Amino acid sequence: MANLSCDLGGIERQCESMSITVQLDLSESVAAEARVRGLLEPQSLTQMVEREVKIDKPMREFRAMVEQMRAHPDEPMTMDEIQGIVNDVRAERRVRRESHRRNSKASLL
């Protein structure tokens, strides 16, 4: 096992890695294209899995929100409601970004 830098919810931490073996069943044409594009290299596969794990929860939340919006097709949102949601998302991002910056500065000390 080796130590890797990993991002857990916007916070960089040292994480232990583990080595696993994955077998893929791909058509010859897809395998050839993936090989040419470097997608079958361990680092590329690692990045793809990490990206999928990282976006899974936000994607599920987004889909739930879309389903909730579709459940009320006769009630369109007003521009004020839309702007309120945009403002909330921006505020959450600001808090995460500032928290990440503080944590980064603290780890440098």
C-alpha atoms as a PDB file:
ATOM      1  CA  MET A   1       0.000   0.000   0.000  1.00  0.00           C
ATOM      2  CA  ALA A   2       1.133   3.513  -0.791  1.00  0.00           C
ATOM      3  CA  ASN A   3       0.016   6.920   0.433  1.00  0.00           C
ATOM      4  CA  LEU A   4      -1.839   9.102  -2.039  1.00  0.00           C
ATOM      5  CA  SER A   5      -3.207  12.605  -1.828  1.00  0.00           C
ATOM      6  CA  CYS A   6      -6.978  12.386  -2.105  1.00  0.00           C
ATOM      7  CA  ASP A   7      -9.798  14.902  -2.087  1.00  0.00           C
ATOM      8  CA  LEU A   8     -12.605  14.072   0.337  1.00  0.00           C
ATOM      9  CA  GLY A   9     -15.351  16.643  -0.012  1.00  0.00           C
ATOM     10  CA  GLY A  10     -13.013  19.471  -0.946  1.00  0.00           C
ATOM     11  CA  ILE A  11     -10.448  18.592   1.736  1.00  0.00           C
ATOM     12  CA  GLU A  12      -7.094  17.238   0.626  1.00  0.00           C
ATOM     13  CA  ARG A  13      -5.886  14.387   2.821  1.00  0.00           C
ATOM     14  CA  GLN A  14      -3.317  11.647   2.706  1.00  0.00           C
ATOM     15  CA  CYS A  15      -5.029   8.334   2.004  1.00  0.00           C
ATOM     16  CA  GLU A  16      -3.690   4.834   1.778  1.00  0.00           C
ATOM     17  CA  SER A  17      -4.127   3.218  -1.588  1.00  0.00           C
ATOM     18  CA  MET A  18      -4.767  -0.401  -2.316  1.00  0.00           C
ATOM     19  CA  SER A  19      -4.008  -2.304  -5.447  1.00  0.00           C
ATOM     20  CA  ILE A  20      -6.862  -4.176  -7.108  1.00  0.00           C
ATOM     21  CA  THR A  21      -7.169  -6.120 -10.323  1.00  0.00           C
ATOM     22  CA  VAL A  22      -9.987  -5.289 -12.716  1.00  0.00           C
ATOM     23  CA  GLN A  23     -10.996  -7.331 -15.730  1.00  0.00           C
ATOM     24  CA  LEU A  24     -12.959  -5.588 -18.468  1.00  0.00           C
ATOM     25  CA  ASP A  25     -14.899  -7.278 -21.247  1.00  0.00           C
ATOM     26  CA  LEU A  26     -14.763  -4.870 -24.188  1.00  0.00           C
ATOM     27  CA  SER A  27     -15.293  -5.283 -27.876  1.00  0.00           C
ATOM     28  CA  GLU A  28     -12.057  -5.307 -29.857  1.00  0.00           C
ATOM     29  CA  SER A  29     -12.808  -1.938 -31.421  1.00  0.00           C
ATOM     30  CA  VAL A  30     -13.571  -0.278 -28.069  1.00  0.00           C
ATOM     31  CA  ALA A  31     -10.501  -1.860 -26.460  1.00  0.00           C
ATOM     32  CA  ALA A  32      -8.292  -0.673 -29.328  1.00  0.00           C
ATOM     33  CA  GLU A  33      -9.650   2.880 -29.151  1.00  0.00           C
ATOM     34  CA  ALA A  34      -9.335   2.944 -25.345  1.00  0.00           C
ATOM     35  CA  ARG A  35      -5.750   1.706 -25.573  1.00  0.00           C
ATOM     36  CA  VAL A  36      -4.843   4.352 -28.202  1.00  0.00           C
ATOM     37  CA  ARG A  37      -6.386   7.068 -26.013  1.00  0.00           C
ATOM     38  CA  GLY A  38      -4.539   5.793 -22.926  1.00  0.00           C
ATOM     39  CA  LEU A  39      -7.775   5.007 -21.085  1.00  0.00           C
ATOM     40  CA  LEU A  40      -6.606   1.550 -20.033  1.00  0.00           C
ATOM     41  CA  GLU A  41      -3.519   2.848 -18.239  1.00  0.00           C
ATOM     42  CA  PRO A  42      -3.692   2.429 -14.445  1.00  0.00           C
ATOM     43  CA  GLN A  43      -3.512   6.179 -13.802  1.00  0.00           C
ATOM     44  CA  SER A  44      -6.362   6.878 -16.263  1.00  0.00           C
ATOM     45  CA  LEU A  45      -8.547   4.160 -14.765  1.00  0.00           C
ATOM     46  CA  THR A  46      -7.811   5.463 -11.269  1.00  0.00           C
ATOM     47  CA  GLN A  47      -8.792   9.001 -12.269  1.00  0.00           C
ATOM     48  CA  MET A  48     -12.038   7.770 -13.884  1.00  0.00           C
ATOM     49  CA  VAL A  49     -13.043   5.808 -10.778  1.00  0.00           C
ATOM     50  CA  GLU A  50     -12.141   8.697  -8.452  1.00  0.00           C
ATOM     51  CA  ARG A  51     -14.141  11.138 -10.608  1.00  0.00           C
ATOM     52  CA  GLU A  52     -17.193   8.852 -10.605  1.00  0.00           C
ATOM     53  CA  VAL A  53     -17.028   8.366  -6.841  1.00  0.00           C
ATOM     54  CA  LYS A  54     -16.681  12.108  -6.293  1.00  0.00           C
ATOM     55  CA  ILE A  55     -19.664  13.091  -8.460  1.00  0.00           C
ATOM     56  CA  ASP A  56     -22.007  10.264  -7.447  1.00  0.00           C
ATOM     57  CA  LYS A  57     -23.715  12.029  -4.521  1.00  0.00           C
ATOM     58  CA  PRO A  58     -24.110  15.418  -6.271  1.00  0.00           C
ATOM     59  CA  MET A  59     -25.533  13.658  -9.345  1.00  0.00           C
ATOM     60  CA  ARG A  60     -28.055  11.699  -7.254  1.00  0.00           C
ATOM     61  CA  GLU A  61     -29.085  14.926  -5.521  1.00  0.00           C
ATOM     62  CA  PHE A  62     -29.430  16.683  -8.882  1.00  0.00           C
ATOM     63  CA  ARG A  63     -31.575  13.874 -10.286  1.00  0.00           C
ATOM     64  CA  ALA A  64     -33.797  13.965  -7.184  1.00  0.00           C
ATOM     65  CA  MET A  65     -34.207  17.718  -7.619  1.00  0.00           C
ATOM     66  CA  VAL A  66     -35.134  17.285 -11.294  1.00  0.00           C
ATOM     67  CA  GLU A  67     -37.693  14.614 -10.387  1.00  0.00           C
ATOM     68  CA  GLN A  68     -39.142  16.907  -7.732  1.00  0.00           C
ATOM     69  CA  MET A  69     -39.406  19.714 -10.287  1.00  0.00           C
ATOM     70  CA  ARG A  70     -41.084  17.396 -12.792  1.00  0.00           C
ATOM     71  CA  ALA A  71     -43.631  16.426 -10.152  1.00  0.00           C
ATOM     72  CA  HIS A  72     -44.941  20.018 -10.275  1.00  0.00           C
ATOM     73  CA  PRO A  73     -45.184  20.801 -14.011  1.00  0.00           C
ATOM     74  CA  ASP A  74     -48.039  23.286 -13.549  1.00  0.00           C
ATOM     75  CA  GLU A  75     -46.108  25.427 -11.110  1.00  0.00           C
ATOM     76  CA  PRO A  76     -43.197  27.086 -12.939  1.00  0.00           C
ATOM     77  CA  MET A  77     -40.588  28.723 -10.764  1.00  0.00           C
ATOM     78  CA  THR A  78     -40.420  32.475 -10.635  1.00  0.00           C
ATOM     79  CA  MET A  79     -37.205  34.282 -11.478  1.00  0.00           C
ATOM     80  CA  ASP A  80     -36.858  35.177  -7.779  1.00  0.00           C
ATOM     81  CA  GLU A  81     -37.055  31.482  -6.811  1.00  0.00           C
ATOM     82  CA  ILE A  82     -34.468  30.568  -9.439  1.00  0.00           C
ATOM     83  CA  GLN A  83     -32.183  33.393  -8.320  1.00  0.00           C
ATOM     84  CA  GLY A  84     -32.577  32.283  -4.700  1.00  0.00           C
ATOM     85  CA  ILE A  85     -31.404  28.774  -5.591  1.00  0.00           C
ATOM     86  CA  VAL A  86     -28.482  30.165  -7.595  1.00  0.00           C
ATOM     87  CA  ASN A  87     -27.513  32.368  -4.642  1.00  0.00           C
ATOM     88  CA  ASP A  88     -27.699  29.392  -2.245  1.00  0.00           C
ATOM     89  CA  VAL A  89     -25.461  27.273  -4.485  1.00  0.00           C
ATOM     90  CA  ARG A  90     -22.959  30.095  -4.855  1.00  0.00           C
ATOM     91  CA  ALA A  91     -22.901  30.620  -1.085  1.00  0.00           C
ATOM     92  CA  GLU A  92     -22.282  26.883  -0.505  1.00  0.00           C
ATOM     93  CA  ARG A  93     -19.424  26.923  -3.001  1.00  0.00           C
ATOM     94  CA  ARG A  94     -17.924  29.997  -1.345  1.00  0.00           C
ATOM     95  CA  VAL A  95     -18.040  28.312   2.065  1.00  0.00           C
ATOM     96  CA  ARG A  96     -16.417  25.136   0.677  1.00  0.00           C
ATOM     97  CA  ARG A  97     -13.754  27.137  -1.166  1.00  0.00           C
ATOM     98  CA  GLU A  98     -12.929  29.229   1.927  1.00  0.00           C
ATOM     99  CA  SER A  99     -12.881  26.118   4.118  1.00  0.00           C
ATOM    100  CA  HIS A 100     -10.542  24.424   1.658  1.00  0.00           C
ATOM    101  CA  ARG A 101      -8.259  27.488   1.613  1.00  0.00           C
ATOM    102  CA  ARG A 102      -8.155  27.608   5.428  1.00  0.00           C
ATOM    103  CA  ASN A 103      -7.379  23.899   5.598  1.00  0.00           C
ATOM    104  CA  SER A 104      -4.675  24.256   2.960  1.00  0.00           C
ATOM    105  CA  LYS A 105      -3.065  27.152   4.830  1.00  0.00           C
ATOM    106  CA  ALA A 106      -3.280  25.266   8.140  1.00  0.00           C
ATOM    107  CA  SER A 107      -1.564  22.213   6.645  1.00  0.00           C
ATOM    108  CA  LEU A 108       1.309  24.417   5.456  1.00  0.00           C
ATOM    109  CA  LEU A 109       1.986  25.614   9.002  1.00  0.00           C
END
